[in-house]
Amino acid sequence: MATVYLIQDFGYWNLVPAKDFGKIKVLLPPRKQIIFSSAPVVQRLREGLRGITKDDFLLLSGDPAAIGAASAIVAEKLGELNLLKWDKREGVYYPVRINLSNYGEIDE
């Protein structure tokens, strides 16, 4: 079964729809932010994402700096991002795979 890596949990969002994509693993606690020193948070993210595979998903929630760091860690490791994108109108998550080595034509 896949894992959904929730970058930061705030404790008040309904994550039940994300469980359709795998077991949820929280990487950072609610109030953790990158402010003065990024090293402790980056280390914690690296440890938490150590086992991520191309079948797993990132759920982008929390401090934007932590989202950027987690995305960079996964991109460095896998060469792509597999995200869950929330559609508030439909009330569901959609998987979005971003291949970072694709240098094809740009859609205008």
PDB file of N, CA and C in Angstrom:
ATOM      1  N   MET A   1       0.842  -1.190   0.000  1.00  0.00           N
ATOM      2  CA  MET A   1       0.000   0.000   0.000  1.00  0.00           C
ATOM      3  C   MET A   1       0.883   1.247   0.000  1.00  0.00           C
ATOM      4  N   ALA A   2       0.467   2.237  -0.736  1.00  0.00           N
ATOM      5  CA  ALA A   2       1.200   3.501  -0.828  1.00  0.00           C
ATOM      6  C   ALA A   2       1.108   4.280   0.485  1.00  0.00           C
ATOM      7  N   THR A   3       1.978   5.266   0.594  1.00  0.00           N
ATOM      8  CA  THR A   3       1.974   6.164   1.744  1.00  0.00           C
ATOM      9  C   THR A   3       1.695   7.576   1.246  1.00  0.00           C
ATOM     10  N   VAL A   4       0.882   8.308   2.001  1.00  0.00           N
ATOM     11  CA  VAL A   4       0.627   9.723   1.740  1.00  0.00           C
ATOM     12  C   VAL A   4       1.401  10.503   2.795  1.00  0.00           C
ATOM     13  N   TYR A   5       2.418  11.231   2.347  1.00  0.00           N
ATOM     14  CA  TYR A   5       3.249  12.014   3.252  1.00  0.00           C
ATOM     15  C   TYR A   5       2.640  13.401   3.415  1.00  0.00           C
ATOM     16  N   LEU A   6       2.004  13.624   4.550  1.00  0.00           N
ATOM     17  CA  LEU A   6       1.423  14.917   4.885  1.00  0.00           C
ATOM     18  C   LEU A   6       2.534  15.782   5.465  1.00  0.00           C
ATOM     19  N   ILE A   7       2.877  16.846   4.778  1.00  0.00           N
ATOM     20  CA  ILE A   7       4.022  17.639   5.202  1.00  0.00           C
ATOM     21  C   ILE A   7       3.813  18.228   6.587  1.00  0.00           C
ATOM     22  N   GLN A   8       2.639  18.796   6.831  1.00  0.00           N
ATOM     23  CA  GLN A   8       2.379  19.355   8.157  1.00  0.00           C
ATOM     24  C   GLN A   8       0.903  19.219   8.473  1.00  0.00           C
ATOM     25  N   ASP A   9       0.604  18.672   9.624  1.00  0.00           N
ATOM     26  CA  ASP A   9      -0.777  18.467  10.053  1.00  0.00           C
ATOM     27  C   ASP A   9      -1.211  19.623  10.944  1.00  0.00           C
ATOM     28  N   PHE A  10      -2.391  20.163  10.655  1.00  0.00           N
ATOM     29  CA  PHE A  10      -2.935  21.225  11.497  1.00  0.00           C
ATOM     30  C   PHE A  10      -3.980  20.693  12.469  1.00  0.00           C
ATOM     31  N   GLY A  11      -4.382  19.441  12.285  1.00  0.00           N
ATOM     32  CA  GLY A  11      -5.295  18.810  13.224  1.00  0.00           C
ATOM     33  C   GLY A  11      -6.761  19.102  13.011  1.00  0.00           C
ATOM     34  N   TYR A  12      -7.102  19.977  12.074  1.00  0.00           N
ATOM     35  CA  TYR A  12      -8.515  20.308  11.898  1.00  0.00           C
ATOM     36  C   TYR A  12      -9.023  20.038  10.484  1.00  0.00           C
ATOM     37  N   TRP A  13      -8.198  19.507   9.598  1.00  0.00           N
ATOM     38  CA  TRP A  13      -8.661  19.153   8.257  1.00  0.00           C
ATOM     39  C   TRP A  13      -9.097  17.704   8.234  1.00  0.00           C
ATOM     40  N   ASN A  14     -10.132  17.428   7.469  1.00  0.00           N
ATOM     41  CA  ASN A  14     -10.614  16.072   7.297  1.00  0.00           C
ATOM     42  C   ASN A  14      -9.717  15.377   6.270  1.00  0.00           C
ATOM     43  N   LEU A  15      -8.920  14.440   6.707  1.00  0.00           N
ATOM     44  CA  LEU A  15      -7.984  13.743   5.837  1.00  0.00           C
ATOM     45  C   LEU A  15      -8.514  12.401   5.338  1.00  0.00           C
ATOM     46  N   VAL A  16      -9.760  12.090   5.642  1.00  0.00           N
ATOM     47  CA  VAL A  16     -10.329  10.812   5.227  1.00  0.00           C
ATOM     48  C   VAL A  16     -10.230  10.607   3.716  1.00  0.00           C
ATOM     49  N   PRO A  17     -10.534  11.620   2.865  1.00  0.00           N
ATOM     50  CA  PRO A  17     -10.406  11.388   1.419  1.00  0.00           C
ATOM     51  C   PRO A  17      -8.981  11.041   0.975  1.00  0.00           C
ATOM     52  N   ALA A  18      -7.975  11.526   1.669  1.00  0.00           N
ATOM     53  CA  ALA A  18      -6.582  11.225   1.315  1.00  0.00           C
ATOM     54  C   ALA A  18      -6.227   9.778   1.633  1.00  0.00           C
ATOM     55  N   LYS A  19      -6.936   9.171   2.577  1.00  0.00           N
ATOM     56  CA  LYS A  19      -6.659   7.786   2.947  1.00  0.00           C
ATOM     57  C   LYS A  19      -6.988   6.809   1.823  1.00  0.00           C
ATOM     58  N   ASP A  20      -7.745   7.262   0.822  1.00  0.00           N
ATOM     59  CA  ASP A  20      -8.013   6.420  -0.344  1.00  0.00           C
ATOM     60  C   ASP A  20      -6.735   6.145  -1.140  1.00  0.00           C
ATOM     61  N   PHE A  21      -5.713   6.985  -0.938  1.00  0.00           N
ATOM     62  CA  PHE A  21      -4.465   6.875  -1.691  1.00  0.00           C
ATOM     63  C   PHE A  21      -3.347   6.197  -0.895  1.00  0.00           C
ATOM     64  N   GLY A  22      -3.569   5.937   0.373  1.00  0.00           N
ATOM     65  CA  GLY A  22      -2.566   5.248   1.168  1.00  0.00           C
ATOM     66  C   GLY A  22      -2.612   5.651   2.629  1.00  0.00           C
ATOM     67  N   LYS A  23      -1.720   5.044   3.382  1.00  0.00           N
ATOM     68  CA  LYS A  23      -1.589   5.333   4.811  1.00  0.00           C
ATOM     69  C   LYS A  23      -0.960   6.714   4.979  1.00  0.00           C
ATOM     70  N   ILE A  24      -1.506   7.525   5.866  1.00  0.00           N
ATOM     71  CA  ILE A  24      -1.005   8.884   6.061  1.00  0.00           C
ATOM     72  C   ILE A  24       0.132   8.888   7.079  1.00  0.00           C
ATOM     73  N   LYS A  25       1.224   9.539   6.690  1.00  0.00           N
ATOM     74  CA  LYS A  25       2.373   9.720   7.573  1.00  0.00           C
ATOM     75  C   LYS A  25       2.627  11.221   7.689  1.00  0.00           C
ATOM     76  N   VAL A  26       2.540  11.739   8.908  1.00  0.00           N
ATOM     77  CA  VAL A  26       2.746  13.168   9.155  1.00  0.00           C
ATOM     78  C   VAL A  26       4.235  13.438   9.356  1.00  0.00           C
ATOM     79  N   LEU A  27       4.761  14.433   8.631  1.00  0.00           N
ATOM     80  CA  LEU A  27       6.182  14.750   8.708  1.00  0.00           C
ATOM     81  C   LEU A  27       6.509  15.814   9.753  1.00  0.00           C
ATOM     82  N   LEU A  28       5.641  16.817   9.913  1.00  0.00           N
ATOM     83  CA  LEU A  28       5.899  17.913  10.865  1.00  0.00           C
ATOM     84  C   LEU A  28       4.676  18.163  11.735  1.00  0.00           C
ATOM     85  N   PRO A  29       4.885  18.535  12.996  1.00  0.00           N
ATOM     86  CA  PRO A  29       3.766  18.866  13.884  1.00  0.00           C
ATOM     87  C   PRO A  29       3.148  20.212  13.494  1.00  0.00           C
ATOM     88  N   PRO A  30       1.983  20.533  14.029  1.00  0.00           N
ATOM     89  CA  PRO A  30       1.225  21.713  13.616  1.00  0.00           C
ATOM     90  C   PRO A  30       1.956  23.057  13.599  1.00  0.00           C
ATOM     91  N   ARG A  31       2.691  23.415  14.602  1.00  0.00           N
ATOM     92  CA  ARG A  31       3.243  24.775  14.656  1.00  0.00           C
ATOM     93  C   ARG A  31       4.727  24.881  14.290  1.00  0.00           C
ATOM     94  N   LYS A  32       5.284  23.831  13.738  1.00  0.00           N
ATOM     95  CA  LYS A  32       6.699  23.842  13.359  1.00  0.00           C
ATOM     96  C   LYS A  32       6.881  24.683  12.092  1.00  0.00           C
ATOM     97  N   GLN A  33       7.784  25.669  12.153  1.00  0.00           N
ATOM     98  CA  GLN A  33       8.031  26.519  11.000  1.00  0.00           C
ATOM     99  C   GLN A  33       9.520  26.732  10.801  1.00  0.00           C
ATOM    100  N   ILE A  34       9.873  26.997   9.548  1.00  0.00           N
ATOM    101  CA  ILE A  34      11.252  27.358   9.232  1.00  0.00           C
ATOM    102  C   ILE A  34      11.340  28.876   9.353  1.00  0.00           C
ATOM    103  N   ILE A  35      12.066  29.358  10.381  1.00  0.00           N
ATOM    104  CA  ILE A  35      12.193  30.803  10.558  1.00  0.00           C
ATOM    105  C   ILE A  35      13.660  31.202  10.571  1.00  0.00           C
ATOM    106  N   PHE A  36      14.372  30.843  11.602  1.00  0.00           N
ATOM    107  CA  PHE A  36      15.757  31.281  11.744  1.00  0.00           C
ATOM    108  C   PHE A  36      16.768  30.268  11.215  1.00  0.00           C
ATOM    109  N   SER A  37      16.490  28.991  11.415  1.00  0.00           N
ATOM    110  CA  SER A  37      17.415  27.957  10.973  1.00  0.00           C
ATOM    111  C   SER A  37      16.621  26.838  10.305  1.00  0.00           C
ATOM    112  N   SER A  38      16.932  26.565   9.051  1.00  0.00           N
ATOM    113  CA  SER A  38      16.203  25.532   8.321  1.00  0.00           C
ATOM    114  C   SER A  38      16.735  24.127   8.606  1.00  0.00           C
ATOM    115  N   ALA A  39      17.948  24.029   9.116  1.00  0.00           N
ATOM    116  CA  ALA A  39      18.603  22.728   9.262  1.00  0.00           C
ATOM    117  C   ALA A  39      17.786  21.701  10.053  1.00  0.00           C
ATOM    118  N   PRO A  40      17.235  22.036  11.226  1.00  0.00           N
ATOM    119  CA  PRO A  40      16.485  21.016  11.975  1.00  0.00           C
ATOM    120  C   PRO A  40      15.249  20.511  11.224  1.00  0.00           C
ATOM    121  N   VAL A  41      14.548  21.413  10.565  1.00  0.00           N
ATOM    122  CA  VAL A  41      13.341  21.006   9.831  1.00  0.00           C
ATOM    123  C   VAL A  41      13.719  20.184   8.606  1.00  0.00           C
ATOM    124  N   VAL A  42      14.740  20.603   7.879  1.00  0.00           N
ATOM    125  CA  VAL A  42      15.181  19.849   6.708  1.00  0.00           C
ATOM    126  C   VAL A  42      15.638  18.452   7.122  1.00  0.00           C
ATOM    127  N   GLN A  43      16.361  18.349   8.209  1.00  0.00           N
ATOM    128  CA  GLN A  43      16.802  17.037   8.701  1.00  0.00           C
ATOM    129  C   GLN A  43      15.598  16.161   9.041  1.00  0.00           C
ATOM    130  N   ARG A  44      14.616  16.725   9.695  1.00  0.00           N
ATOM    131  CA  ARG A  44      13.422  15.960  10.058  1.00  0.00           C
ATOM    132  C   ARG A  44      12.666  15.509   8.800  1.00  0.00           C
ATOM    133  N   LEU A  45      12.581  16.391   7.796  1.00  0.00           N
ATOM    134  CA  LEU A  45      11.915  16.038   6.547  1.00  0.00           C
ATOM    135  C   LEU A  45      12.683  14.931   5.821  1.00  0.00           C
ATOM    136  N   ARG A  46      14.011  15.053   5.765  1.00  0.00           N
ATOM    137  CA  ARG A  46      14.828  14.015   5.118  1.00  0.00           C
ATOM    138  C   ARG A  46      14.613  12.653   5.780  1.00  0.00           C
ATOM    139  N   GLU A  47      14.598  12.640   7.093  1.00  0.00           N
ATOM    140  CA  GLU A  47      14.373  11.390   7.821  1.00  0.00           C
ATOM    141  C   GLU A  47      12.980  10.832   7.527  1.00  0.00           C
ATOM    142  N   GLY A  48      11.987  11.702   7.552  1.00  0.00           N
ATOM    143  CA  GLY A  48      10.609  11.268   7.321  1.00  0.00           C
ATOM    144  C   GLY A  48      10.355  10.773   5.909  1.00  0.00           C
ATOM    145  N   LEU A  49      11.090  11.334   4.945  1.00  0.00           N
ATOM    146  CA  LEU A  49      10.901  10.975   3.535  1.00  0.00           C
ATOM    147  C   LEU A  49      11.886   9.913   3.056  1.00  0.00           C
ATOM    148  N   ARG A  50      12.665   9.367   3.951  1.00  0.00           N
ATOM    149  CA  ARG A  50      13.705   8.401   3.589  1.00  0.00           C
ATOM    150  C   ARG A  50      13.154   7.240   2.760  1.00  0.00           C
ATOM    151  N   GLY A  51      11.994   6.740   3.081  1.00  0.00           N
ATOM    152  CA  GLY A  51      11.452   5.559   2.401  1.00  0.00           C
ATOM    153  C   GLY A  51      10.494   5.854   1.257  1.00  0.00           C
ATOM    154  N   ILE A  52      10.362   7.107   0.844  1.00  0.00           N
ATOM    155  CA  ILE A  52       9.392   7.452  -0.186  1.00  0.00           C
ATOM    156  C   ILE A  52       9.750   6.790  -1.519  1.00  0.00           C
ATOM    157  N   THR A  53       8.709   6.350  -2.235  1.00  0.00           N
ATOM    158  CA  THR A  53       8.872   5.747  -3.556  1.00  0.00           C
ATOM    159  C   THR A  53       7.999   6.497  -4.557  1.00  0.00           C
ATOM    160  N   LYS A  54       8.147   6.142  -5.821  1.00  0.00           N
ATOM    161  CA  LYS A  54       7.349   6.791  -6.873  1.00  0.00           C
ATOM    162  C   LYS A  54       5.865   6.453  -6.778  1.00  0.00           C
ATOM    163  N   ASP A  55       5.514   5.471  -5.974  1.00  0.00           N
ATOM    164  CA  ASP A  55       4.104   5.104  -5.782  1.00  0.00           C
ATOM    165  C   ASP A  55       3.441   5.883  -4.657  1.00  0.00           C
ATOM    166  N   ASP A  56       4.237   6.613  -3.884  1.00  0.00           N
ATOM    167  CA  ASP A  56       3.726   7.380  -2.746  1.00  0.00           C
ATOM    168  C   ASP A  56       3.345   8.803  -3.182  1.00  0.00           C
ATOM    169  N   PHE A  57       2.686   9.513  -2.277  1.00  0.00           N
ATOM    170  CA  PHE A  57       2.199  10.860  -2.576  1.00  0.00           C
ATOM    171  C   PHE A  57       2.659  11.859  -1.530  1.00  0.00           C
ATOM    172  N   LEU A  58       2.849  13.102  -1.966  1.00  0.00           N
ATOM    173  CA  LEU A  58       3.028  14.238  -1.057  1.00  0.00           C
ATOM    174  C   LEU A  58       1.698  14.968  -0.965  1.00  0.00           C
ATOM    175  N   LEU A  59       1.307  15.305   0.253  1.00  0.00           N
ATOM    176  CA  LEU A  59       0.128  16.133   0.481  1.00  0.00           C
ATOM    177  C   LEU A  59       0.640  17.472   0.986  1.00  0.00           C
ATOM    178  N   LEU A  60       0.535  18.497   0.137  1.00  0.00           N
ATOM    179  CA  LEU A  60       1.158  19.797   0.389  1.00  0.00           C
ATOM    180  C   LEU A  60       0.320  20.622   1.351  1.00  0.00           C
ATOM    181  N   SER A  61       0.712  20.596   2.598  1.00  0.00           N
ATOM    182  CA  SER A  61      -0.007  21.308   3.644  1.00  0.00           C
ATOM    183  C   SER A  61       1.003  21.851   4.638  1.00  0.00           C
ATOM    184  N   GLY A  62       0.816  23.109   5.052  1.00  0.00           N
ATOM    185  CA  GLY A  62       1.666  23.653   6.099  1.00  0.00           C
ATOM    186  C   GLY A  62       2.493  24.844   5.688  1.00  0.00           C
ATOM    187  N   ASP A  63       3.586  25.051   6.402  1.00  0.00           N
ATOM    188  CA  ASP A  63       4.513  26.152   6.171  1.00  0.00           C
ATOM    189  C   ASP A  63       5.022  26.076   4.727  1.00  0.00           C
ATOM    190  N   PRO A  64       4.845  27.143   3.934  1.00  0.00           N
ATOM    191  CA  PRO A  64       5.308  27.112   2.539  1.00  0.00           C
ATOM    192  C   PRO A  64       6.791  26.782   2.391  1.00  0.00           C
ATOM    193  N   ALA A  65       7.613  27.228   3.320  1.00  0.00           N
ATOM    194  CA  ALA A  65       9.039  26.900   3.260  1.00  0.00           C
ATOM    195  C   ALA A  65       9.254  25.402   3.456  1.00  0.00           C
ATOM    196  N   ALA A  66       8.495  24.781   4.337  1.00  0.00           N
ATOM    197  CA  ALA A  66       8.595  23.335   4.559  1.00  0.00           C
ATOM    198  C   ALA A  66       8.070  22.574   3.343  1.00  0.00           C
ATOM    199  N   ILE A  67       7.021  23.077   2.707  1.00  0.00           N
ATOM    200  CA  ILE A  67       6.496  22.458   1.484  1.00  0.00           C
ATOM    201  C   ILE A  67       7.569  22.486   0.399  1.00  0.00           C
ATOM    202  N   GLY A  68       8.233  23.641   0.253  1.00  0.00           N
ATOM    203  CA  GLY A  68       9.305  23.757  -0.734  1.00  0.00           C
ATOM    204  C   GLY A  68      10.449  22.816  -0.440  1.00  0.00           C
ATOM    205  N   ALA A  69      10.856  22.732   0.817  1.00  0.00           N
ATOM    206  CA  ALA A  69      11.962  21.860   1.198  1.00  0.00           C
ATOM    207  C   ALA A  69      11.608  20.394   0.962  1.00  0.00           C
ATOM    208  N   ALA A  70      10.407  19.975   1.360  1.00  0.00           N
ATOM    209  CA  ALA A  70       9.994  18.589   1.164  1.00  0.00           C
ATOM    210  C   ALA A  70       9.919  18.247  -0.323  1.00  0.00           C
ATOM    211  N   SER A  71       9.388  19.163  -1.116  1.00  0.00           N
ATOM    212  CA  SER A  71       9.309  18.940  -2.565  1.00  0.00           C
ATOM    213  C   SER A  71      10.697  18.803  -3.174  1.00  0.00           C
ATOM    214  N   ALA A  72      11.627  19.638  -2.727  1.00  0.00           N
ATOM    215  CA  ALA A  72      13.005  19.571  -3.234  1.00  0.00           C
ATOM    216  C   ALA A  72      13.669  18.250  -2.848  1.00  0.00           C
ATOM    217  N   ILE A  73      13.438  17.787  -1.629  1.00  0.00           N
ATOM    218  CA  ILE A  73      14.011  16.522  -1.176  1.00  0.00           C
ATOM    219  C   ILE A  73      13.503  15.369  -2.031  1.00  0.00           C
ATOM    220  N   VAL A  74      12.191  15.347  -2.279  1.00  0.00           N
ATOM    221  CA  VAL A  74      11.610  14.270  -3.083  1.00  0.00           C
ATOM    222  C   VAL A  74      12.081  14.368  -4.532  1.00  0.00           C
ATOM    223  N   ALA A  75      12.130  15.580  -5.073  1.00  0.00           N
ATOM    224  CA  ALA A  75      12.592  15.765  -6.455  1.00  0.00           C
ATOM    225  C   ALA A  75      14.033  15.303  -6.609  1.00  0.00           C
ATOM    226  N   GLU A  76      14.854  15.617  -5.636  1.00  0.00           N
ATOM    227  CA  GLU A  76      16.258  15.206  -5.661  1.00  0.00           C
ATOM    228  C   GLU A  76      16.382  13.676  -5.634  1.00  0.00           C
ATOM    229  N   LYS A  77      15.538  13.052  -4.831  1.00  0.00           N
ATOM    230  CA  LYS A  77      15.612  11.601  -4.653  1.00  0.00           C
ATOM    231  C   LYS A  77      14.989  10.837  -5.817  1.00  0.00           C
ATOM    232  N   LEU A  78      13.806  11.287  -6.292  1.00  0.00           N
ATOM    233  CA  LEU A  78      13.039  10.513  -7.275  1.00  0.00           C
ATOM    234  C   LEU A  78      13.029  11.100  -8.684  1.00  0.00           C
ATOM    235  N   GLY A  79      13.347  12.402  -8.815  1.00  0.00           N
ATOM    236  CA  GLY A  79      13.285  13.040 -10.127  1.00  0.00           C
ATOM    237  C   GLY A  79      11.883  13.397 -10.561  1.00  0.00           C
ATOM    238  N   GLU A  80      10.935  13.233  -9.679  1.00  0.00           N
ATOM    239  CA  GLU A  80       9.542  13.590  -9.961  1.00  0.00           C
ATOM    240  C   GLU A  80       8.792  13.778  -8.654  1.00  0.00           C
ATOM    241  N   LEU A  81       7.627  14.394  -8.772  1.00  0.00           N
ATOM    242  CA  LEU A  81       6.755  14.597  -7.616  1.00  0.00           C
ATOM    243  C   LEU A  81       5.419  13.928  -7.915  1.00  0.00           C
ATOM    244  N   ASN A  82       4.900  13.239  -6.944  1.00  0.00           N
ATOM    245  CA  ASN A  82       3.591  12.615  -7.031  1.00  0.00           C
ATOM    246  C   ASN A  82       2.756  13.261  -5.928  1.00  0.00           C
ATOM    247  N   LEU A  83       1.858  14.155  -6.322  1.00  0.00           N
ATOM    248  CA  LEU A  83       1.118  14.982  -5.369  1.00  0.00           C
ATOM    249  C   LEU A  83      -0.351  14.616  -5.332  1.00  0.00           C
ATOM    250  N   LEU A  84      -0.995  14.993  -4.239  1.00  0.00           N
ATOM    251  CA  LEU A  84      -2.450  14.951  -4.173  1.00  0.00           C
ATOM    252  C   LEU A  84      -2.953  16.388  -4.207  1.00  0.00           C
ATOM    253  N   LYS A  85      -3.834  16.665  -5.164  1.00  0.00           N
ATOM    254  CA  LYS A  85      -4.385  18.008  -5.343  1.00  0.00           C
ATOM    255  C   LYS A  85      -5.862  17.971  -4.978  1.00  0.00           C
ATOM    256  N   TRP A  86      -6.264  18.869  -4.082  1.00  0.00           N
ATOM    257  CA  TRP A  86      -7.635  18.926  -3.585  1.00  0.00           C
ATOM    258  C   TRP A  86      -8.523  19.701  -4.550  1.00  0.00           C
ATOM    259  N   ASP A  87      -9.655  19.127  -4.885  1.00  0.00           N
ATOM    260  CA  ASP A  87     -10.676  19.813  -5.687  1.00  0.00           C
ATOM    261  C   ASP A  87     -11.831  20.123  -4.749  1.00  0.00           C
ATOM    262  N   LYS A  88     -11.915  21.386  -4.339  1.00  0.00           N
ATOM    263  CA  LYS A  88     -12.929  21.726  -3.327  1.00  0.00           C
ATOM    264  C   LYS A  88     -14.347  21.636  -3.870  1.00  0.00           C
ATOM    265  N   ARG A  89     -14.520  21.808  -5.169  1.00  0.00           N
ATOM    266  CA  ARG A  89     -15.864  21.703  -5.735  1.00  0.00           C
ATOM    267  C   ARG A  89     -16.375  20.265  -5.690  1.00  0.00           C
ATOM    268  N   GLU A  90     -15.498  19.325  -6.028  1.00  0.00           N
ATOM    269  CA  GLU A  90     -15.875  17.907  -6.021  1.00  0.00           C
ATOM    270  C   GLU A  90     -15.676  17.261  -4.653  1.00  0.00           C
ATOM    271  N   GLY A  91     -14.829  17.873  -3.816  1.00  0.00           N
ATOM    272  CA  GLY A  91     -14.560  17.323  -2.488  1.00  0.00           C
ATOM    273  C   GLY A  91     -13.716  16.056  -2.516  1.00  0.00           C
ATOM    274  N   VAL A  92     -12.785  15.985  -3.474  1.00  0.00           N
ATOM    275  CA  VAL A  92     -11.919  14.812  -3.609  1.00  0.00           C
ATOM    276  C   VAL A  92     -10.491  15.260  -3.928  1.00  0.00           C
ATOM    277  N   TYR A  93      -9.554  14.336  -3.693  1.00  0.00           N
ATOM    278  CA  TYR A  93      -8.177  14.543  -4.110  1.00  0.00           C
ATOM    279  C   TYR A  93      -7.968  13.888  -5.468  1.00  0.00           C
ATOM    280  N   TYR A  94      -7.145  14.526  -6.288  1.00  0.00           N
ATOM    281  CA  TYR A  94      -6.727  13.952  -7.562  1.00  0.00           C
ATOM    282  C   TYR A  94      -5.211  13.799  -7.540  1.00  0.00           C
ATOM    283  N   PRO A  95      -4.716  12.661  -8.012  1.00  0.00           N
ATOM    284  CA  PRO A  95      -3.263  12.492  -8.080  1.00  0.00           C
ATOM    285  C   PRO A  95      -2.691  13.299  -9.248  1.00  0.00           C
ATOM    286  N   VAL A  96      -1.572  13.967  -9.007  1.00  0.00           N
ATOM    287  CA  VAL A  96      -0.877  14.743 -10.037  1.00  0.00           C
ATOM    288  C   VAL A  96       0.585  14.312 -10.012  1.00  0.00           C
ATOM    289  N   ARG A  97       1.052  13.754 -11.130  1.00  0.00           N
ATOM    290  CA  ARG A  97       2.457  13.345 -11.242  1.00  0.00           C
ATOM    291  C   ARG A  97       3.182  14.413 -12.053  1.00  0.00           C
ATOM    292  N   ILE A  98       4.263  14.940 -11.486  1.00  0.00           N
ATOM    293  CA  ILE A  98       5.062  15.957 -12.150  1.00  0.00           C
ATOM    294  C   ILE A  98       6.432  15.368 -12.447  1.00  0.00           C
ATOM    295  N   ASN A  99       6.692  15.148 -13.729  1.00  0.00           N
ATOM    296  CA  ASN A  99       7.980  14.611 -14.167  1.00  0.00           C
ATOM    297  C   ASN A  99       8.923  15.786 -14.364  1.00  0.00           C
ATOM    298  N   LEU A 100       9.934  15.887 -13.538  1.00  0.00           N
ATOM    299  CA  LEU A 100      10.842  17.034 -13.566  1.00  0.00           C
ATOM    300  C   LEU A 100      11.940  16.914 -14.601  1.00  0.00           C
ATOM    301  N   SER A 101      12.002  15.794 -15.309  1.00  0.00           N
ATOM    302  CA  SER A 101      12.998  15.654 -16.361  1.00  0.00           C
ATOM    303  C   SER A 101      12.374  15.804 -17.744  1.00  0.00           C
ATOM    304  N   ASN A 102      11.105  16.201 -17.792  1.00  0.00           N
ATOM    305  CA  ASN A 102      10.408  16.390 -19.064  1.00  0.00           C
ATOM    306  C   ASN A 102      10.748  17.764 -19.625  1.00  0.00           C
ATOM    307  N   TYR A 103      11.421  17.774 -20.767  1.00  0.00           N
ATOM    308  CA  TYR A 103      11.790  19.030 -21.400  1.00  0.00           C
ATOM    309  C   TYR A 103      11.075  19.202 -22.735  1.00  0.00           C
ATOM    310  N   GLY A 104       9.836  18.734 -22.813  1.00  0.00           N
ATOM    311  CA  GLY A 104       9.053  18.824 -24.041  1.00  0.00           C
ATOM    312  C   GLY A 104       8.573  20.242 -24.293  1.00  0.00           C
ATOM    313  N   GLU A 105       7.637  20.358 -25.201  1.00  0.00           N
ATOM    314  CA  GLU A 105       7.089  21.659 -25.572  1.00  0.00           C
ATOM    315  C   GLU A 105       6.315  22.263 -24.408  1.00  0.00           C
ATOM    316  N   ILE A 106       6.296  23.576 -24.389  1.00  0.00           N
ATOM    317  CA  ILE A 106       5.574  24.320 -23.373  1.00  0.00           C
ATOM    318  C   ILE A 106       4.184  24.642 -23.891  1.00  0.00           C
ATOM    319  N   ASP A 107       3.165  24.269 -23.107  1.00  0.00           N
ATOM    320  CA  ASP A 107       1.792  24.627 -23.463  1.00  0.00           C
ATOM    321  C   ASP A 107       1.549  26.074 -23.105  1.00  0.00           C
ATOM    322  N   GLU A 108       1.019  26.815 -24.038  1.00  0.00           N
ATOM    323  CA  GLU A 108       0.729  28.234 -23.796  1.00  0.00           C
ATOM    324  C   GLU A 108      -0.677  28.410 -23.293  1.00  0.00           C
TER     325      GLU A 108
END
